[in-house]
Amino acid sequence: MIAPSSGELIYLRHDAGGDDLRDAAIDFEGTLRLTGWRAPSAAAQGAPLEVALRWQAPRPIDRSLFPAVLVLDSQGRTVAQSLE
């Protein structure tokens, strides 16, 4: 597990050939692209929820980025969040 505290972006290179991620094509202002994701369809209340995201940077990143993951219920209300 990586737990950076310096505020610097950590780049990991990984061969995504065997991943069981769902394809995605979401562009964030040309700075980052979400190209894949995985999350369970259900989780026990209070249990950790493991979410996997695959990102692509089409060009060098020239500013600080702060990812946020929100978990929404069926009505679209935020029930959990991770702001790193």
C-alpha atoms as a PDB file:
ATOM      1  CA  MET A   1       0.000   0.000   0.000  1.00  0.00           C
ATOM      2  CA  ILE A   2       1.258   3.471  -0.838  1.00  0.00           C
ATOM      3  CA  ALA A   3       0.519   6.262   1.594  1.00  0.00           C
ATOM      4  CA  PRO A   4       2.238   9.379   0.286  1.00  0.00           C
ATOM      5  CA  SER A   5       2.305  12.317   2.652  1.00  0.00           C
ATOM      6  CA  SER A   6       4.617  14.665   0.788  1.00  0.00           C
ATOM      7  CA  GLY A   7       1.914  15.950  -1.559  1.00  0.00           C
ATOM      8  CA  GLU A   8       3.898  14.832  -4.595  1.00  0.00           C
ATOM      9  CA  LEU A   9       2.292  12.747  -7.317  1.00  0.00           C
ATOM     10  CA  ILE A  10       3.601   9.181  -7.418  1.00  0.00           C
ATOM     11  CA  TYR A  11       3.751   7.525 -10.820  1.00  0.00           C
ATOM     12  CA  LEU A  12       3.408   3.758 -11.024  1.00  0.00           C
ATOM     13  CA  ARG A  13       3.893   1.924 -14.275  1.00  0.00           C
ATOM     14  CA  HIS A  14       1.830  -1.215 -14.638  1.00  0.00           C
ATOM     15  CA  ASP A  15       1.084  -3.513 -17.534  1.00  0.00           C
ATOM     16  CA  ALA A  16      -2.699  -3.484 -17.641  1.00  0.00           C
ATOM     17  CA  GLY A  17      -2.903  -6.556 -19.884  1.00  0.00           C
ATOM     18  CA  GLY A  18      -4.403  -8.872 -17.253  1.00  0.00           C
ATOM     19  CA  ASP A  19      -6.518  -6.392 -15.312  1.00  0.00           C
ATOM     20  CA  ASP A  20     -10.189  -7.098 -14.805  1.00  0.00           C
ATOM     21  CA  LEU A  21     -11.042  -3.397 -14.924  1.00  0.00           C
ATOM     22  CA  ARG A  22     -14.046  -2.073 -16.774  1.00  0.00           C
ATOM     23  CA  ASP A  23     -13.153   0.224 -19.638  1.00  0.00           C
ATOM     24  CA  ALA A  24     -13.789   3.922 -19.234  1.00  0.00           C
ATOM     25  CA  ALA A  25     -13.085   6.950 -21.395  1.00  0.00           C
ATOM     26  CA  ILE A  26     -13.499  10.008 -19.196  1.00  0.00           C
ATOM     27  CA  ASP A  27     -11.310  13.019 -19.924  1.00  0.00           C
ATOM     28  CA  PHE A  28     -10.539  15.607 -17.232  1.00  0.00           C
ATOM     29  CA  GLU A  29      -9.729  18.798 -19.148  1.00  0.00           C
ATOM     30  CA  GLY A  30      -7.043  17.059 -21.201  1.00  0.00           C
ATOM     31  CA  THR A  31      -4.852  16.652 -18.108  1.00  0.00           C
ATOM     32  CA  LEU A  32      -5.911  13.156 -17.034  1.00  0.00           C
ATOM     33  CA  ARG A  33      -8.042  10.378 -18.465  1.00  0.00           C
ATOM     34  CA  LEU A  34      -9.791   7.690 -16.469  1.00  0.00           C
ATOM     35  CA  THR A  35      -9.354   4.613 -18.666  1.00  0.00           C
ATOM     36  CA  GLY A  36     -10.555   1.841 -16.351  1.00  0.00           C
ATOM     37  CA  TRP A  37     -12.167   1.111 -13.012  1.00  0.00           C
ATOM     38  CA  ARG A  38     -13.283  -1.684 -10.695  1.00  0.00           C
ATOM     39  CA  ALA A  39     -15.528  -1.567  -7.630  1.00  0.00           C
ATOM     40  CA  PRO A  40     -17.740  -4.116  -5.885  1.00  0.00           C
ATOM     41  CA  SER A  41     -21.472  -3.930  -6.567  1.00  0.00           C
ATOM     42  CA  ALA A  42     -22.176  -4.235  -2.831  1.00  0.00           C
ATOM     43  CA  ALA A  43     -20.307  -4.098   0.459  1.00  0.00           C
ATOM     44  CA  ALA A  44     -21.162  -4.800   4.078  1.00  0.00           C
ATOM     45  CA  GLN A  45     -21.876  -1.703   6.129  1.00  0.00           C
ATOM     46  CA  GLY A  46     -18.692  -0.466   7.783  1.00  0.00           C
ATOM     47  CA  ALA A  47     -16.464  -2.758   5.719  1.00  0.00           C
ATOM     48  CA  PRO A  48     -13.648  -1.299   3.609  1.00  0.00           C
ATOM     49  CA  LEU A  49     -14.556  -0.703  -0.025  1.00  0.00           C
ATOM     50  CA  GLU A  50     -11.766  -1.404  -2.513  1.00  0.00           C
ATOM     51  CA  VAL A  51     -11.892   0.685  -5.666  1.00  0.00           C
ATOM     52  CA  ALA A  52      -9.312   0.429  -8.454  1.00  0.00           C
ATOM     53  CA  LEU A  53      -8.789   3.217 -10.978  1.00  0.00           C
ATOM     54  CA  ARG A  54      -6.548   3.279 -14.045  1.00  0.00           C
ATOM     55  CA  TRP A  55      -5.381   6.730 -15.148  1.00  0.00           C
ATOM     56  CA  GLN A  56      -3.538   7.996 -18.197  1.00  0.00           C
ATOM     57  CA  ALA A  57      -1.739  11.341 -18.465  1.00  0.00           C
ATOM     58  CA  PRO A  58      -1.735  12.344 -22.153  1.00  0.00           C
ATOM     59  CA  ARG A  59       0.837  15.071 -21.460  1.00  0.00           C
ATOM     60  CA  PRO A  60       3.084  16.131 -18.570  1.00  0.00           C
ATOM     61  CA  ILE A  61       1.106  17.294 -15.534  1.00  0.00           C
ATOM     62  CA  ASP A  62       1.986  20.900 -14.740  1.00  0.00           C
ATOM     63  CA  ARG A  63      -0.177  21.485 -11.655  1.00  0.00           C
ATOM     64  CA  SER A  64      -1.161  19.790  -8.409  1.00  0.00           C
ATOM     65  CA  LEU A  65      -4.098  17.420  -8.632  1.00  0.00           C
ATOM     66  CA  PHE A  66      -6.127  16.117  -5.696  1.00  0.00           C
ATOM     67  CA  PRO A  67      -8.250  13.033  -6.419  1.00  0.00           C
ATOM     68  CA  ALA A  68     -11.588  12.532  -4.725  1.00  0.00           C
ATOM     69  CA  VAL A  69     -13.685   9.365  -4.750  1.00  0.00           C
ATOM     70  CA  LEU A  70     -17.353   9.640  -3.783  1.00  0.00           C
ATOM     71  CA  VAL A  71     -19.666   6.688  -3.130  1.00  0.00           C
ATOM     72  CA  LEU A  72     -23.285   7.495  -3.956  1.00  0.00           C
ATOM     73  CA  ASP A  73     -26.468   5.694  -2.980  1.00  0.00           C
ATOM     74  CA  SER A  74     -29.271   4.947  -5.449  1.00  0.00           C
ATOM     75  CA  GLN A  75     -30.686   8.466  -4.952  1.00  0.00           C
ATOM     76  CA  GLY A  76     -27.346  10.101  -5.766  1.00  0.00           C
ATOM     77  CA  ARG A  77     -26.528  11.107  -2.174  1.00  0.00           C
ATOM     78  CA  THR A  78     -22.923  10.879  -0.974  1.00  0.00           C
ATOM     79  CA  VAL A  79     -22.594   8.072   1.588  1.00  0.00           C
ATOM     80  CA  ALA A  80     -18.784   7.887   1.731  1.00  0.00           C
ATOM     81  CA  GLN A  81     -15.837   9.794   0.341  1.00  0.00           C
ATOM     82  CA  SER A  82     -12.088   9.720   0.132  1.00  0.00           C
ATOM     83  CA  LEU A  83     -10.333  13.012  -0.424  1.00  0.00           C
ATOM     84  CA  GLU A  84      -6.599  12.404  -0.756  1.00  0.00           C
END
